[in-house]
Amino acid sequence: MNAEHDLSILSQFLRRMAPDVEGHDMGDPPAEVMPRLDAFAAGQADAKERSALAQLLKEHPEYLRYLGKAIRNRAA
């Protein structure tokens, strides 16, 4: 599986389960990471950036909370 496929699966899961996704609050990601996650949530990240974000999320799963909120806010 490639990173883009991993992000697609994650995105579909978060959209479907957003109201039920919870976790421990680890705080927001660093200021330089938030715009990247926001762009992904808005569907504005290119393939290279999606791949980089997949790797970043594997290394920092605590950022998923922020990403889930960003996706949920866009869906509202």
PDB file of N, CA and C in Angstrom:
ATOM      1  N   MET A   1       0.837  -1.190   0.000  1.00  0.00           N
ATOM      2  CA  MET A   1       0.000   0.000   0.000  1.00  0.00           C
ATOM      3  C   MET A   1       0.874   1.243   0.000  1.00  0.00           C
ATOM      4  N   ASN A   2       0.392   2.257  -0.657  1.00  0.00           N
ATOM      5  CA  ASN A   2       1.166   3.485  -0.660  1.00  0.00           C
ATOM      6  C   ASN A   2       0.555   4.498   0.295  1.00  0.00           C
ATOM      7  N   ALA A   3       1.299   5.561   0.539  1.00  0.00           N
ATOM      8  CA  ALA A   3       0.880   6.568   1.506  1.00  0.00           C
ATOM      9  C   ALA A   3      -0.408   7.258   1.080  1.00  0.00           C
ATOM     10  N   GLU A   4      -0.571   7.493  -0.218  1.00  0.00           N
ATOM     11  CA  GLU A   4      -1.781   8.164  -0.690  1.00  0.00           C
ATOM     12  C   GLU A   4      -3.010   7.295  -0.417  1.00  0.00           C
ATOM     13  N   HIS A   5      -2.889   5.995  -0.588  1.00  0.00           N
ATOM     14  CA  HIS A   5      -3.993   5.077  -0.290  1.00  0.00           C
ATOM     15  C   HIS A   5      -4.304   5.109   1.205  1.00  0.00           C
ATOM     16  N   ASP A   6      -3.255   5.141   2.040  1.00  0.00           N
ATOM     17  CA  ASP A   6      -3.444   5.223   3.487  1.00  0.00           C
ATOM     18  C   ASP A   6      -4.226   6.474   3.860  1.00  0.00           C
ATOM     19  N   LEU A   7      -3.882   7.616   3.258  1.00  0.00           N
ATOM     20  CA  LEU A   7      -4.587   8.859   3.560  1.00  0.00           C
ATOM     21  C   LEU A   7      -6.032   8.804   3.075  1.00  0.00           C
ATOM     22  N   SER A   8      -6.261   8.166   1.961  1.00  0.00           N
ATOM     23  CA  SER A   8      -7.616   8.036   1.452  1.00  0.00           C
ATOM     24  C   SER A   8      -8.473   7.242   2.426  1.00  0.00           C
ATOM     25  N   ILE A   9      -7.952   6.164   2.923  1.00  0.00           N
ATOM     26  CA  ILE A   9      -8.673   5.337   3.893  1.00  0.00           C
ATOM     27  C   ILE A   9      -8.951   6.146   5.154  1.00  0.00           C
ATOM     28  N   LEU A  10      -7.947   6.866   5.648  1.00  0.00           N
ATOM     29  CA  LEU A  10      -8.102   7.692   6.847  1.00  0.00           C
ATOM     30  C   LEU A  10      -9.156   8.763   6.631  1.00  0.00           C
ATOM     31  N   SER A  11      -9.100   9.433   5.507  1.00  0.00           N
ATOM     32  CA  SER A  11     -10.048  10.497   5.207  1.00  0.00           C
ATOM     33  C   SER A  11     -11.479   9.965   5.164  1.00  0.00           C
ATOM     34  N   GLN A  12     -11.676   8.829   4.505  1.00  0.00           N
ATOM     35  CA  GLN A  12     -13.011   8.230   4.434  1.00  0.00           C
ATOM     36  C   GLN A  12     -13.506   7.850   5.826  1.00  0.00           C
ATOM     37  N   PHE A  13     -12.627   7.281   6.636  1.00  0.00           N
ATOM     38  CA  PHE A  13     -12.997   6.897   7.999  1.00  0.00           C
ATOM     39  C   PHE A  13     -13.403   8.119   8.807  1.00  0.00           C
ATOM     40  N   LEU A  14     -12.594   9.179   8.746  1.00  0.00           N
ATOM     41  CA  LEU A  14     -12.894  10.366   9.530  1.00  0.00           C
ATOM     42  C   LEU A  14     -14.196  11.022   9.085  1.00  0.00           C
ATOM     43  N   ARG A  15     -14.455  11.049   7.803  1.00  0.00           N
ATOM     44  CA  ARG A  15     -15.711  11.636   7.316  1.00  0.00           C
ATOM     45  C   ARG A  15     -16.918  10.838   7.805  1.00  0.00           C
ATOM     46  N   ARG A  16     -16.774   9.525   7.797  1.00  0.00           N
ATOM     47  CA  ARG A  16     -17.884   8.656   8.177  1.00  0.00           C
ATOM     48  C   ARG A  16     -18.086   8.627   9.692  1.00  0.00           C
ATOM     49  N   MET A  17     -17.003   8.660  10.431  1.00  0.00           N
ATOM     50  CA  MET A  17     -17.075   8.474  11.875  1.00  0.00           C
ATOM     51  C   MET A  17     -16.767   9.738  12.673  1.00  0.00           C
ATOM     52  N   ALA A  18     -16.655  10.876  12.025  1.00  0.00           N
ATOM     53  CA  ALA A  18     -16.224  12.105  12.692  1.00  0.00           C
ATOM     54  C   ALA A  18     -16.922  12.369  14.023  1.00  0.00           C
ATOM     55  N   PRO A  19     -18.234  12.211  14.138  1.00  0.00           N
ATOM     56  CA  PRO A  19     -18.863  12.494  15.430  1.00  0.00           C
ATOM     57  C   PRO A  19     -18.409  11.555  16.545  1.00  0.00           C
ATOM     58  N   ASP A  20     -17.959  10.362  16.179  1.00  0.00           N
ATOM     59  CA  ASP A  20     -17.590   9.373  17.188  1.00  0.00           C
ATOM     60  C   ASP A  20     -16.099   9.276  17.453  1.00  0.00           C
ATOM     61  N   VAL A  21     -15.280   9.971  16.662  1.00  0.00           N
ATOM     62  CA  VAL A  21     -13.837   9.869  16.824  1.00  0.00           C
ATOM     63  C   VAL A  21     -13.412  10.726  18.017  1.00  0.00           C
ATOM     64  N   GLU A  22     -12.806  10.076  18.977  1.00  0.00           N
ATOM     65  CA  GLU A  22     -12.319  10.773  20.154  1.00  0.00           C
ATOM     66  C   GLU A  22     -10.907  10.310  20.431  1.00  0.00           C
ATOM     67  N   GLY A  23     -10.242  11.037  21.274  1.00  0.00           N
ATOM     68  CA  GLY A  23      -8.895  10.658  21.664  1.00  0.00           C
ATOM     69  C   GLY A  23      -8.431  11.540  22.796  1.00  0.00           C
ATOM     70  N   HIS A  24      -7.256  11.282  23.234  1.00  0.00           N
ATOM     71  CA  HIS A  24      -6.672  12.106  24.282  1.00  0.00           C
ATOM     72  C   HIS A  24      -6.138  13.377  23.653  1.00  0.00           C
ATOM     73  N   ASP A  25      -6.397  14.493  24.298  1.00  0.00           N
ATOM     74  CA  ASP A  25      -5.952  15.775  23.767  1.00  0.00           C
ATOM     75  C   ASP A  25      -4.453  15.929  23.995  1.00  0.00           C
ATOM     76  N   MET A  26      -3.711  15.920  22.914  1.00  0.00           N
ATOM     77  CA  MET A  26      -2.262  16.102  22.985  1.00  0.00           C
ATOM     78  C   MET A  26      -1.895  17.523  22.584  1.00  0.00           C
ATOM     79  N   GLY A  27      -2.908  18.372  22.420  1.00  0.00           N
ATOM     80  CA  GLY A  27      -2.645  19.724  21.960  1.00  0.00           C
ATOM     81  C   GLY A  27      -2.612  19.773  20.453  1.00  0.00           C
ATOM     82  N   ASP A  28      -2.564  20.969  19.938  1.00  0.00           N
ATOM     83  CA  ASP A  28      -2.519  21.148  18.489  1.00  0.00           C
ATOM     84  C   ASP A  28      -1.121  20.860  17.951  1.00  0.00           C
ATOM     85  N   PRO A  29      -1.048  20.516  16.670  1.00  0.00           N
ATOM     86  CA  PRO A  29       0.261  20.325  16.041  1.00  0.00           C
ATOM     87  C   PRO A  29       1.021  21.657  16.017  1.00  0.00           C
ATOM     88  N   PRO A  30       2.297  21.620  15.721  1.00  0.00           N
ATOM     89  CA  PRO A  30       3.070  22.864  15.607  1.00  0.00           C
ATOM     90  C   PRO A  30       2.448  23.793  14.562  1.00  0.00           C
ATOM     91  N   ALA A  31       2.659  25.080  14.744  1.00  0.00           N
ATOM     92  CA  ALA A  31       2.058  26.099  13.867  1.00  0.00           C
ATOM     93  C   ALA A  31       2.382  25.865  12.395  1.00  0.00           C
ATOM     94  N   GLU A  32       3.556  25.338  12.085  1.00  0.00           N
ATOM     95  CA  GLU A  32       3.921  25.132  10.677  1.00  0.00           C
ATOM     96  C   GLU A  32       3.226  23.916  10.067  1.00  0.00           C
ATOM     97  N   VAL A  33       2.663  23.041  10.896  1.00  0.00           N
ATOM     98  CA  VAL A  33       1.992  21.836  10.401  1.00  0.00           C
ATOM     99  C   VAL A  33       0.493  22.088  10.193  1.00  0.00           C
ATOM    100  N   MET A  34      -0.103  22.938  10.994  1.00  0.00           N
ATOM    101  CA  MET A  34      -1.554  23.159  10.908  1.00  0.00           C
ATOM    102  C   MET A  34      -2.028  23.584   9.517  1.00  0.00           C
ATOM    103  N   PRO A  35      -1.377  24.521   8.836  1.00  0.00           N
ATOM    104  CA  PRO A  35      -1.849  24.885   7.490  1.00  0.00           C
ATOM    105  C   PRO A  35      -1.780  23.717   6.500  1.00  0.00           C
ATOM    106  N   ARG A  36      -0.813  22.850   6.669  1.00  0.00           N
ATOM    107  CA  ARG A  36      -0.697  21.684   5.792  1.00  0.00           C
ATOM    108  C   ARG A  36      -1.867  20.740   6.010  1.00  0.00           C
ATOM    109  N   LEU A  37      -2.233  20.521   7.280  1.00  0.00           N
ATOM    110  CA  LEU A  37      -3.371  19.659   7.587  1.00  0.00           C
ATOM    111  C   LEU A  37      -4.676  20.309   7.137  1.00  0.00           C
ATOM    112  N   ASP A  38      -4.782  21.621   7.295  1.00  0.00           N
ATOM    113  CA  ASP A  38      -5.969  22.340   6.832  1.00  0.00           C
ATOM    114  C   ASP A  38      -6.132  22.212   5.319  1.00  0.00           C
ATOM    115  N   ALA A  39      -5.025  22.330   4.585  1.00  0.00           N
ATOM    116  CA  ALA A  39      -5.070  22.195   3.126  1.00  0.00           C
ATOM    117  C   ALA A  39      -5.501  20.787   2.742  1.00  0.00           C
ATOM    118  N   PHE A  40      -5.001  19.781   3.448  1.00  0.00           N
ATOM    119  CA  PHE A  40      -5.423  18.410   3.180  1.00  0.00           C
ATOM    120  C   PHE A  40      -6.915  18.243   3.436  1.00  0.00           C
ATOM    121  N   ALA A  41      -7.395  18.766   4.563  1.00  0.00           N
ATOM    122  CA  ALA A  41      -8.816  18.662   4.911  1.00  0.00           C
ATOM    123  C   ALA A  41      -9.688  19.330   3.852  1.00  0.00           C
ATOM    124  N   ALA A  42      -9.165  20.375   3.223  1.00  0.00           N
ATOM    125  CA  ALA A  42      -9.913  21.104   2.197  1.00  0.00           C
ATOM    126  C   ALA A  42      -9.768  20.470   0.814  1.00  0.00           C
ATOM    127  N   GLY A  43      -8.988  19.400   0.705  1.00  0.00           N
ATOM    128  CA  GLY A  43      -8.780  18.751  -0.586  1.00  0.00           C
ATOM    129  C   GLY A  43      -7.826  19.505  -1.483  1.00  0.00           C
ATOM    130  N   GLN A  44      -6.954  20.328  -0.899  1.00  0.00           N
ATOM    131  CA  GLN A  44      -6.055  21.167  -1.677  1.00  0.00           C
ATOM    132  C   GLN A  44      -4.613  20.674  -1.686  1.00  0.00           C
ATOM    133  N   ALA A  45      -4.345  19.519  -1.103  1.00  0.00           N
ATOM    134  CA  ALA A  45      -2.980  18.992  -1.061  1.00  0.00           C
ATOM    135  C   ALA A  45      -2.726  18.139  -2.302  1.00  0.00           C
ATOM    136  N   ASP A  46      -1.580  18.365  -2.942  1.00  0.00           N
ATOM    137  CA  ASP A  46      -1.243  17.552  -4.111  1.00  0.00           C
ATOM    138  C   ASP A  46      -0.736  16.180  -3.667  1.00  0.00           C
ATOM    139  N   ALA A  47      -0.485  15.314  -4.620  1.00  0.00           N
ATOM    140  CA  ALA A  47      -0.090  13.935  -4.316  1.00  0.00           C
ATOM    141  C   ALA A  47       1.183  13.876  -3.477  1.00  0.00           C
ATOM    142  N   LYS A  48       2.156  14.713  -3.787  1.00  0.00           N
ATOM    143  CA  LYS A  48       3.406  14.714  -3.026  1.00  0.00           C
ATOM    144  C   LYS A  48       3.159  15.129  -1.576  1.00  0.00           C
ATOM    145  N   GLU A  49       2.322  16.143  -1.384  1.00  0.00           N
ATOM    146  CA  GLU A  49       2.030  16.612  -0.027  1.00  0.00           C
ATOM    147  C   GLU A  49       1.202  15.576   0.732  1.00  0.00           C
ATOM    148  N   ARG A  50       0.260  14.924   0.068  1.00  0.00           N
ATOM    149  CA  ARG A  50      -0.522  13.876   0.733  1.00  0.00           C
ATOM    150  C   ARG A  50       0.380  12.748   1.208  1.00  0.00           C
ATOM    151  N   SER A  51       1.348  12.390   0.399  1.00  0.00           N
ATOM    152  CA  SER A  51       2.294  11.352   0.779  1.00  0.00           C
ATOM    153  C   SER A  51       3.119  11.784   1.985  1.00  0.00           C
ATOM    154  N   ALA A  52       3.584  13.024   1.962  1.00  0.00           N
ATOM    155  CA  ALA A  52       4.368  13.547   3.084  1.00  0.00           C
ATOM    156  C   ALA A  52       3.516  13.593   4.359  1.00  0.00           C
ATOM    157  N   LEU A  53       2.250  13.974   4.216  1.00  0.00           N
ATOM    158  CA  LEU A  53       1.371  14.030   5.388  1.00  0.00           C
ATOM    159  C   LEU A  53       1.069  12.636   5.928  1.00  0.00           C
ATOM    160  N   ALA A  54       0.949  11.660   5.058  1.00  0.00           N
ATOM    161  CA  ALA A  54       0.727  10.286   5.515  1.00  0.00           C
ATOM    162  C   ALA A  54       1.889   9.848   6.401  1.00  0.00           C
ATOM    163  N   GLN A  55       3.092  10.140   5.971  1.00  0.00           N
ATOM    164  CA  GLN A  55       4.266   9.782   6.774  1.00  0.00           C
ATOM    165  C   GLN A  55       4.278  10.560   8.082  1.00  0.00           C
ATOM    166  N   LEU A  56       3.958  11.841   8.022  1.00  0.00           N
ATOM    167  CA  LEU A  56       3.928  12.676   9.223  1.00  0.00           C
ATOM    168  C   LEU A  56       2.902  12.142  10.221  1.00  0.00           C
ATOM    169  N   LEU A  57       1.736  11.744   9.731  1.00  0.00           N
ATOM    170  CA  LEU A  57       0.692  11.228  10.620  1.00  0.00           C
ATOM    171  C   LEU A  57       1.066   9.875  11.218  1.00  0.00           C
ATOM    172  N   LYS A  58       1.836   9.089  10.493  1.00  0.00           N
ATOM    173  CA  LYS A  58       2.325   7.828  11.059  1.00  0.00           C
ATOM    174  C   LYS A  58       3.299   8.100  12.199  1.00  0.00           C
ATOM    175  N   GLU A  59       4.097   9.152  12.039  1.00  0.00           N
ATOM    176  CA  GLU A  59       5.077   9.506  13.069  1.00  0.00           C
ATOM    177  C   GLU A  59       4.446  10.252  14.239  1.00  0.00           C
ATOM    178  N   HIS A  60       3.345  10.971  13.964  1.00  0.00           N
ATOM    179  CA  HIS A  60       2.679  11.783  14.986  1.00  0.00           C
ATOM    180  C   HIS A  60       1.178  11.545  14.935  1.00  0.00           C
ATOM    181  N   PRO A  61       0.722  10.380  15.381  1.00  0.00           N
ATOM    182  CA  PRO A  61      -0.712  10.091  15.316  1.00  0.00           C
ATOM    183  C   PRO A  61      -1.559  11.056  16.139  1.00  0.00           C
ATOM    184  N   GLU A  62      -0.944  11.767  17.058  1.00  0.00           N
ATOM    185  CA  GLU A  62      -1.687  12.741  17.856  1.00  0.00           C
ATOM    186  C   GLU A  62      -2.220  13.895  17.003  1.00  0.00           C
ATOM    187  N   TYR A  63      -1.674  14.074  15.798  1.00  0.00           N
ATOM    188  CA  TYR A  63      -2.156  15.125  14.895  1.00  0.00           C
ATOM    189  C   TYR A  63      -3.497  14.753  14.258  1.00  0.00           C
ATOM    190  N   LEU A  64      -3.891  13.486  14.365  1.00  0.00           N
ATOM    191  CA  LEU A  64      -5.157  13.041  13.779  1.00  0.00           C
ATOM    192  C   LEU A  64      -6.346  13.773  14.393  1.00  0.00           C
ATOM    193  N   ARG A  65      -6.253  14.119  15.657  1.00  0.00           N
ATOM    194  CA  ARG A  65      -7.332  14.844  16.315  1.00  0.00           C
ATOM    195  C   ARG A  65      -7.569  16.173  15.604  1.00  0.00           C
ATOM    196  N   TYR A  66      -6.498  16.883  15.346  1.00  0.00           N
ATOM    197  CA  TYR A  66      -6.614  18.170  14.659  1.00  0.00           C
ATOM    198  C   TYR A  66      -7.178  17.968  13.252  1.00  0.00           C
ATOM    199  N   LEU A  67      -6.660  16.982  12.544  1.00  0.00           N
ATOM    200  CA  LEU A  67      -7.130  16.707  11.191  1.00  0.00           C
ATOM    201  C   LEU A  67      -8.605  16.329  11.201  1.00  0.00           C
ATOM    202  N   GLY A  68      -9.016  15.502  12.141  1.00  0.00           N
ATOM    203  CA  GLY A  68     -10.425  15.119  12.250  1.00  0.00           C
ATOM    204  C   GLY A  68     -11.321  16.324  12.482  1.00  0.00           C
ATOM    205  N   LYS A  69     -10.879  17.232  13.350  1.00  0.00           N
ATOM    206  CA  LYS A  69     -11.656  18.452  13.593  1.00  0.00           C
ATOM    207  C   LYS A  69     -11.727  19.311  12.334  1.00  0.00           C
ATOM    208  N   ALA A  70     -10.627  19.414  11.604  1.00  0.00           N
ATOM    209  CA  ALA A  70     -10.605  20.225  10.385  1.00  0.00           C
ATOM    210  C   ALA A  70     -11.560  19.651   9.345  1.00  0.00           C
ATOM    211  N   ILE A  71     -11.569  18.339   9.186  1.00  0.00           N
ATOM    212  CA  ILE A  71     -12.476  17.697   8.236  1.00  0.00           C
ATOM    213  C   ILE A  71     -13.922  17.857   8.693  1.00  0.00           C
ATOM    214  N   ARG A  72     -14.174  17.658   9.959  1.00  0.00           N
ATOM    215  CA  ARG A  72     -15.534  17.790  10.490  1.00  0.00           C
ATOM    216  C   ARG A  72     -16.038  19.218  10.324  1.00  0.00           C
ATOM    217  N   ASN A  73     -15.195  20.212  10.586  1.00  0.00           N
ATOM    218  CA  ASN A  73     -15.599  21.622  10.445  1.00  0.00           C
ATOM    219  C   ASN A  73     -15.941  21.960   9.004  1.00  0.00           C
ATOM    220  N   ARG A  74     -15.246  21.357   8.052  1.00  0.00           N
ATOM    221  CA  ARG A  74     -15.532  21.616   6.639  1.00  0.00           C
ATOM    222  C   ARG A  74     -16.837  20.958   6.221  1.00  0.00           C
ATOM    223  N   ALA A  75     -17.172  19.833   6.851  1.00  0.00           N
ATOM    224  CA  ALA A  75     -18.387  19.111   6.504  1.00  0.00           C
ATOM    225  C   ALA A  75     -19.634  19.755   7.109  1.00  0.00           C
ATOM    226  N   ALA A  76     -19.432  20.585   8.116  1.00  0.00           N
ATOM    227  CA  ALA A  76     -20.589  21.197   8.825  1.00  0.00           C
ATOM    228  C   ALA A  76     -21.229  22.301   8.011  1.00  0.00           C
TER     229      ALA A  76
END
